[in-house]
Amino acid sequence: MKHDAPIAPAIVEQASEWLMLQWGGELQGDQRQAFAQWQAADPEHRRAWQRLQQLQHTLGGVPTHSARAVLRDTPDTQRRAALKLLGLLLAASGSGVLVQRSEPWQAAFAEYRTRTGEIRHVTLSDGTRLDLNSDSAVDLRFSASERRVRLVRGEILLTSGQDPSRPLIVETPAGDVQALGTRFAVRELPDGSRVDLYEGRVRVSPLHGTAVQMQAGESLWFNAGQSCALPGLSANTSSWTEHRLIAERQPLGEFVAQLSRYRPGLLRCDQAVAGLLLTGVFPLDNTDAILAALERSLPVQVQAVTRYWVTIKARV
């Protein structure tokens, strides 16, 4: 992999969080160990941290006393804005120059976007309802001939408005998803895109593959060259639009992977407890409360080195 290749947004956020923690003061014993484990876990983690160190050198560093004052006195929303800017710089090219076509740059300036843990509901000019999941971003390109929603990152759910003269199309890096009077979700994945169809029909057109028409109740993965049907769709898959997660005898590892999308930092589940089955309805407005509920309902304990480094393990 080239040194100046883009860094995944999740890794950008994790590296930036570690820097913010260091700005707040010297890391304690457990924090230092967790930071070392984070760097060792993935070469991309080390590359992100090295790039961040280069960035600090380029910018002349950040005075420690000023950084601590920012962390202590600045409202959380402003701290998160500073972190987003830091992430943009980190995700830029190795030379430290922002590339406007890069995904982090586009997401930061997208027309509609959400932070980690935020869910947003928007009614568009044609009456289409647009739901944005955590850490998502879209741009709109409505014209006289079509209604195009460009998914920059994350996940959206659309309930299409009535406008027969202008097709409603979700554009992804892998291809287009055209609504045929419908309710459907599109999610960006590391290796392609996923479509979940709840009502009506959609046509999925990979950039270089054969178009596929989907029926209600189906799920599909596709990349630029091909598509593949996924297991049957559960109604609970869209529960995030109601700001909750629903588990019905779901393996804990799968649930924690879902929950991690709504919480900044790193949330992990130890393999020893990943197979435990979980049932319940969990409001997404407080992920700390969800973690506490897991401790009450399952033989697990939540080990938090910091808010941004949490592991769920077997209860001792």
Protein backbone atom coordinates (compact mmCIF):
# COMPACT_ATOMS: atom_id res chain seq x y z
CA MET A 1 0.00 0.00 0.00
CA LYS A 2 1.33 3.46 -0.91
CA HIS A 3 2.33 5.70 1.98
CA ASP A 4 0.01 8.47 0.74
CA ALA A 5 -3.02 6.22 0.18
CA PRO A 6 -6.26 7.31 1.93
CA ILE A 7 -6.77 6.16 5.52
CA ALA A 8 -10.14 4.68 6.54
CA PRO A 9 -12.36 7.23 8.35
CA ALA A 10 -12.76 4.96 11.41
CA ILE A 11 -8.98 4.75 11.83
CA VAL A 12 -8.69 8.51 11.31
CA GLU A 13 -11.13 9.05 14.16
CA GLN A 14 -9.37 6.60 16.48
CA ALA A 15 -5.94 8.16 15.88
CA SER A 16 -7.35 11.64 16.43
CA GLU A 17 -9.00 10.55 19.68
CA TRP A 18 -5.67 9.20 20.95
CA LEU A 19 -4.01 12.52 20.16
CA MET A 20 -6.77 14.43 21.98
CA LEU A 21 -6.22 12.18 25.00
CA GLN A 22 -2.49 12.92 24.91
CA TRP A 23 -3.18 16.63 24.65
CA GLY A 24 -5.25 16.32 27.82
CA GLY A 25 -2.24 15.07 29.81
CA GLU A 26 0.14 12.15 30.07
CA LEU A 27 -1.50 8.76 29.47
CA GLN A 28 -1.81 6.58 32.55
CA GLY A 29 -0.57 2.97 32.76
CA ASP A 30 -3.66 1.25 31.36
CA GLN A 31 -4.05 3.94 28.73
CA ARG A 32 -0.43 3.59 27.60
CA GLN A 33 -0.89 -0.17 27.30
CA ALA A 34 -4.13 0.25 25.33
CA PHE A 35 -2.47 2.79 23.03
CA ALA A 36 0.41 0.37 22.36
CA GLN A 37 -2.09 -2.43 21.65
CA TRP A 38 -3.99 -0.16 19.26
CA GLN A 39 -0.84 0.63 17.29
CA ALA A 40 0.17 -3.05 17.16
CA ALA A 41 -3.29 -4.25 16.08
CA ASP A 42 -3.08 -3.00 12.49
CA PRO A 43 -0.34 -1.51 10.25
CA GLU A 44 -2.90 1.12 9.23
CA HIS A 45 -3.08 2.25 12.88
CA ARG A 46 0.68 2.84 12.88
CA ARG A 47 0.54 4.61 9.52
CA ALA A 48 -2.23 6.91 10.77
CA TRP A 49 -0.28 7.75 13.92
CA GLN A 50 2.94 8.41 11.97
CA ARG A 51 1.08 10.68 9.59
CA LEU A 52 -0.44 12.52 12.54
CA GLN A 53 3.01 13.07 14.04
CA GLN A 54 4.21 14.44 10.71
CA LEU A 55 1.19 16.72 10.60
CA GLN A 56 1.94 18.08 14.06
CA HIS A 57 5.51 18.78 13.01
CA THR A 58 4.30 20.54 9.87
CA LEU A 59 1.91 22.72 11.87
CA GLY A 60 4.55 23.49 14.46
CA GLY A 61 3.06 21.38 17.23
CA VAL A 62 0.32 22.25 19.72
CA PRO A 63 1.28 23.91 23.02
CA THR A 64 0.38 21.51 25.82
CA HIS A 65 -1.08 24.15 28.11
CA SER A 66 -3.32 25.46 25.30
CA ALA A 67 -4.52 21.97 24.40
CA ARG A 68 -5.41 21.18 28.00
CA ALA A 69 -7.35 24.43 28.25
CA VAL A 70 -9.29 23.53 25.10
CA LEU A 71 -10.17 20.08 26.44
CA ARG A 72 -11.18 21.50 29.83
CA ASP A 73 -13.10 24.62 28.82
CA THR A 74 -14.48 24.04 25.31
CA PRO A 75 -18.05 22.66 24.88
CA ASP A 76 -18.16 19.09 23.61
CA THR A 77 -19.64 20.07 20.22
CA GLN A 78 -16.73 22.42 19.58
CA ARG A 79 -14.18 19.82 20.69
CA ARG A 80 -15.76 17.37 18.24
CA ALA A 81 -15.56 20.00 15.48
CA ALA A 82 -11.85 20.45 16.20
CA LEU A 83 -11.43 16.67 16.10
CA LYS A 84 -13.20 16.52 12.74
CA LEU A 85 -10.82 19.13 11.31
CA LEU A 86 -7.88 17.20 12.69
CA GLY A 87 -9.22 14.07 11.04
CA LEU A 88 -9.56 15.87 7.71
CA LEU A 89 -5.93 16.88 7.84
CA LEU A 90 -4.88 13.36 8.84
CA ALA A 91 -6.87 11.77 6.00
CA ALA A 92 -5.32 14.10 3.43
CA SER A 93 -2.38 13.15 1.23
CA GLY A 94 1.01 12.36 2.74
CA SER A 95 2.20 15.86 1.87
CA GLY A 96 -0.37 17.35 4.25
CA VAL A 97 -2.37 19.04 1.49
CA LEU A 98 -6.14 18.45 1.55
CA VAL A 99 -7.50 16.69 -1.50
CA GLN A 100 -10.99 17.93 -2.24
CA ARG A 101 -11.97 14.67 -3.94
CA SER A 102 -11.08 12.62 -0.85
CA GLU A 103 -13.97 10.99 1.02
CA PRO A 104 -13.30 12.66 4.41
CA TRP A 105 -13.21 16.08 2.77
CA GLN A 106 -16.43 15.41 0.85
CA ALA A 107 -18.17 14.09 3.97
CA ALA A 108 -17.23 17.16 6.04
CA PHE A 109 -18.80 19.48 3.47
CA ALA A 110 -21.69 17.29 2.36
CA GLU A 111 -25.16 18.83 2.22
CA TYR A 112 -26.53 16.50 4.91
CA ARG A 113 -24.29 14.68 7.41
CA THR A 114 -24.34 13.15 10.89
CA ARG A 115 -21.73 12.70 13.59
CA THR A 116 -20.95 9.38 15.25
CA GLY A 117 -23.99 8.50 17.35
CA GLU A 118 -26.28 11.01 15.61
CA ILE A 119 -29.37 10.02 13.57
CA ARG A 120 -31.08 12.62 11.40
CA HIS A 121 -34.43 12.75 9.58
CA VAL A 122 -34.98 15.08 6.62
CA THR A 123 -37.91 15.67 4.25
CA LEU A 124 -36.64 16.61 0.80
CA SER A 125 -38.25 19.06 -1.63
CA ASP A 126 -40.06 16.26 -3.53
CA GLY A 127 -41.54 14.78 -0.34
CA THR A 128 -38.96 11.99 -0.05
CA ARG A 129 -38.06 11.14 3.55
CA LEU A 130 -34.33 10.77 4.09
CA ASP A 131 -33.01 9.10 7.26
CA LEU A 132 -29.26 9.32 7.90
CA ASN A 133 -27.65 6.77 10.20
CA SER A 134 -24.66 7.44 12.45
CA ASP A 135 -21.56 8.96 10.78
CA SER A 136 -23.19 9.35 7.35
CA ALA A 137 -23.10 11.98 4.62
CA VAL A 138 -24.97 12.67 1.36
CA ASP A 139 -25.08 15.29 -1.37
CA LEU A 140 -28.21 16.05 -3.41
CA ARG A 141 -28.21 16.61 -7.16
CA PHE A 142 -31.83 17.29 -8.09
CA SER A 143 -32.47 18.40 -11.67
CA ALA A 144 -35.38 18.61 -14.10
CA SER A 145 -34.68 15.04 -15.26
CA GLU A 146 -33.72 13.12 -12.10
CA ARG A 147 -33.40 13.19 -8.31
CA ARG A 148 -29.91 11.97 -7.45
CA VAL A 149 -28.71 11.33 -3.87
CA ARG A 150 -24.96 10.75 -3.68
CA LEU A 151 -24.02 8.60 -0.69
CA VAL A 152 -20.60 9.82 0.44
CA ARG A 153 -20.38 7.50 3.43
CA GLY A 154 -22.43 5.67 6.02
CA GLU A 155 -26.04 4.52 5.62
CA ILE A 156 -29.31 6.11 4.56
CA LEU A 157 -32.93 4.97 4.35
CA LEU A 158 -35.19 6.56 1.75
CA THR A 159 -38.98 6.56 1.50
CA SER A 160 -39.48 7.92 -2.00
CA GLY A 161 -41.78 10.82 -2.79
CA GLN A 162 -44.14 10.74 -5.76
CA ASP A 163 -42.52 12.31 -8.82
CA PRO A 164 -42.89 9.92 -11.80
CA SER A 165 -41.17 12.30 -14.22
CA ARG A 166 -37.88 12.25 -12.27
CA PRO A 167 -36.37 8.92 -11.16
CA LEU A 168 -34.93 8.78 -7.63
CA ILE A 169 -31.39 7.40 -7.72
CA VAL A 170 -28.87 6.72 -4.95
CA GLU A 171 -25.33 7.03 -6.32
CA THR A 172 -22.56 5.00 -4.65
CA PRO A 173 -18.92 4.44 -5.66
CA ALA A 174 -19.95 0.95 -6.86
CA GLY A 175 -22.95 2.00 -8.94
CA ASP A 176 -26.55 3.29 -8.84
CA VAL A 177 -29.66 2.17 -6.96
CA GLN A 178 -32.86 3.42 -8.61
CA ALA A 179 -36.12 3.48 -6.69
CA LEU A 180 -39.29 2.24 -8.34
CA GLY A 181 -41.75 3.64 -5.75
CA THR A 182 -40.26 2.25 -2.60
CA ARG A 183 -38.66 2.30 0.86
CA PHE A 184 -35.07 1.11 0.96
CA ALA A 185 -31.72 1.52 2.70
CA VAL A 186 -28.25 1.79 1.18
CA ARG A 187 -25.08 1.34 3.23
CA GLU A 188 -21.46 1.81 2.25
CA LEU A 189 -19.20 -1.11 3.21
CA PRO A 190 -15.41 -1.45 2.91
CA ASP A 191 -15.78 -3.77 -0.10
CA GLY A 192 -18.91 -2.41 -1.77
CA SER A 193 -22.48 -1.38 -0.94
CA ARG A 194 -25.49 -3.07 0.65
CA VAL A 195 -29.14 -2.51 -0.28
CA ASP A 196 -32.05 -3.50 1.99
CA LEU A 197 -35.49 -3.26 0.34
CA TYR A 198 -38.50 -2.92 2.65
CA GLU A 199 -41.23 -1.90 0.20
CA GLY A 200 -41.66 -1.72 -3.58
CA ARG A 201 -38.86 -2.43 -6.05
CA VAL A 202 -35.41 -1.08 -6.88
CA ARG A 203 -32.96 -1.57 -9.74
CA VAL A 204 -29.29 -1.96 -8.76
CA SER A 205 -26.80 -1.13 -11.54
CA PRO A 206 -23.13 -1.87 -10.76
CA LEU A 207 -20.73 0.37 -12.69
CA HIS A 208 -19.39 -2.52 -14.76
CA GLY A 209 -21.85 -5.32 -14.05
CA THR A 210 -25.33 -6.52 -14.93
CA ALA A 211 -28.30 -4.61 -13.49
CA VAL A 212 -30.44 -6.50 -10.95
CA GLN A 213 -34.03 -5.81 -9.93
CA MET A 214 -34.91 -6.40 -6.28
CA GLN A 215 -38.25 -7.23 -4.65
CA ALA A 216 -39.51 -6.24 -1.21
CA GLY A 217 -37.89 -8.21 1.61
CA GLU A 218 -34.59 -8.77 -0.22
CA SER A 219 -31.05 -7.67 0.60
CA LEU A 220 -28.20 -7.34 -1.88
CA TRP A 221 -24.46 -6.65 -1.79
CA PHE A 222 -22.74 -5.24 -4.86
CA ASN A 223 -19.48 -3.70 -5.97
CA ALA A 224 -18.51 -2.14 -9.29
CA GLY A 225 -18.40 -5.49 -11.10
CA GLN A 226 -20.91 -7.86 -9.53
CA SER A 227 -23.77 -8.37 -7.07
CA CYS A 228 -24.76 -11.07 -4.62
CA ALA A 229 -28.01 -11.80 -2.76
CA LEU A 230 -27.81 -11.68 1.05
CA PRO A 231 -29.87 -13.64 3.63
CA GLY A 232 -33.49 -12.61 4.12
CA LEU A 233 -34.15 -9.12 5.45
CA SER A 234 -35.31 -8.61 9.05
CA ALA A 235 -37.72 -5.79 9.91
CA ASN A 236 -35.44 -4.97 12.84
CA THR A 237 -32.66 -3.94 10.46
CA SER A 238 -34.23 -0.48 10.11
CA SER A 239 -34.88 0.03 13.83
CA TRP A 240 -32.07 2.62 13.91
CA THR A 241 -34.46 5.07 12.23
CA GLU A 242 -36.45 4.94 15.50
CA HIS A 243 -33.23 5.51 17.49
CA ARG A 244 -33.03 1.99 18.85
CA LEU A 245 -31.41 -1.38 18.26
CA ILE A 246 -33.51 -4.55 18.53
CA ALA A 247 -31.90 -7.91 19.22
CA GLU A 248 -33.75 -11.24 18.99
CA ARG A 249 -31.45 -14.03 20.15
CA GLN A 250 -28.62 -12.21 18.42
CA PRO A 251 -24.99 -13.22 19.09
CA LEU A 252 -23.38 -10.64 21.35
CA GLY A 253 -20.46 -10.17 18.95
CA GLU A 254 -22.82 -9.14 16.14
CA PHE A 255 -24.71 -6.78 18.44
CA VAL A 256 -21.53 -5.11 19.69
CA ALA A 257 -20.38 -4.63 16.09
CA GLN A 258 -23.65 -2.81 15.40
CA LEU A 259 -23.42 -0.75 18.58
CA SER A 260 -19.87 0.34 17.77
CA ARG A 261 -21.23 2.40 14.87
CA TYR A 262 -22.97 4.70 17.34
CA ARG A 263 -20.08 5.23 19.73
CA PRO A 264 -16.78 7.09 19.13
CA GLY A 265 -13.54 5.21 19.65
CA LEU A 266 -13.06 1.46 19.73
CA LEU A 267 -15.67 -0.95 21.14
CA ARG A 268 -14.70 -4.64 21.08
CA CYS A 269 -16.21 -7.96 22.15
CA ASP A 270 -13.96 -10.75 23.41
CA GLN A 271 -14.38 -13.98 21.42
CA ALA A 272 -15.04 -15.89 24.66
CA VAL A 273 -18.43 -14.15 25.00
CA ALA A 274 -19.18 -13.27 21.36
CA GLY A 275 -21.53 -16.24 20.99
CA LEU A 276 -23.80 -15.35 23.93
CA LEU A 277 -27.35 -14.74 22.73
CA LEU A 278 -29.00 -11.40 23.45
CA THR A 279 -32.64 -10.29 23.28
CA GLY A 280 -33.88 -6.80 24.00
CA VAL A 281 -34.72 -3.30 22.79
CA PHE A 282 -31.94 -0.76 23.35
CA PRO A 283 -32.40 3.04 22.93
CA LEU A 284 -29.48 4.56 21.06
CA ASP A 285 -29.51 7.91 22.84
CA ASN A 286 -27.19 6.57 25.58
CA THR A 287 -24.66 3.90 24.63
CA ASP A 288 -23.22 3.88 28.16
CA ALA A 289 -26.64 2.76 29.41
CA ILE A 290 -26.66 -0.03 26.82
CA LEU A 291 -23.28 -1.27 28.04
CA ALA A 292 -24.57 -1.24 31.62
CA ALA A 293 -27.63 -3.22 30.51
CA LEU A 294 -25.38 -5.87 28.94
CA GLU A 295 -23.62 -6.32 32.28
CA ARG A 296 -26.98 -6.79 34.03
CA SER A 297 -28.41 -9.26 31.54
CA LEU A 298 -25.37 -11.36 30.57
CA PRO A 299 -22.37 -12.86 32.40
CA VAL A 300 -20.07 -10.14 31.04
CA GLN A 301 -18.19 -7.11 32.30
CA VAL A 302 -17.37 -3.89 30.50
CA GLN A 303 -13.70 -2.95 30.75
CA ALA A 304 -13.11 0.69 29.84
CA VAL A 305 -9.55 1.96 29.67
CA THR A 306 -11.01 5.25 28.43
CA ARG A 307 -14.41 6.09 26.94
CA TYR A 308 -12.78 5.50 23.58
CA TRP A 309 -11.28 2.06 24.34
CA VAL A 310 -13.89 -0.39 25.66
CA THR A 311 -13.83 -4.21 25.71
CA ILE A 312 -16.63 -6.56 26.73
CA LYS A 313 -15.25 -9.63 28.46
CA ALA A 314 -16.44 -12.60 30.51
CA ARG A 315 -17.35 -11.67 34.07
CA VAL A 316 -14.69 -12.73 36.53
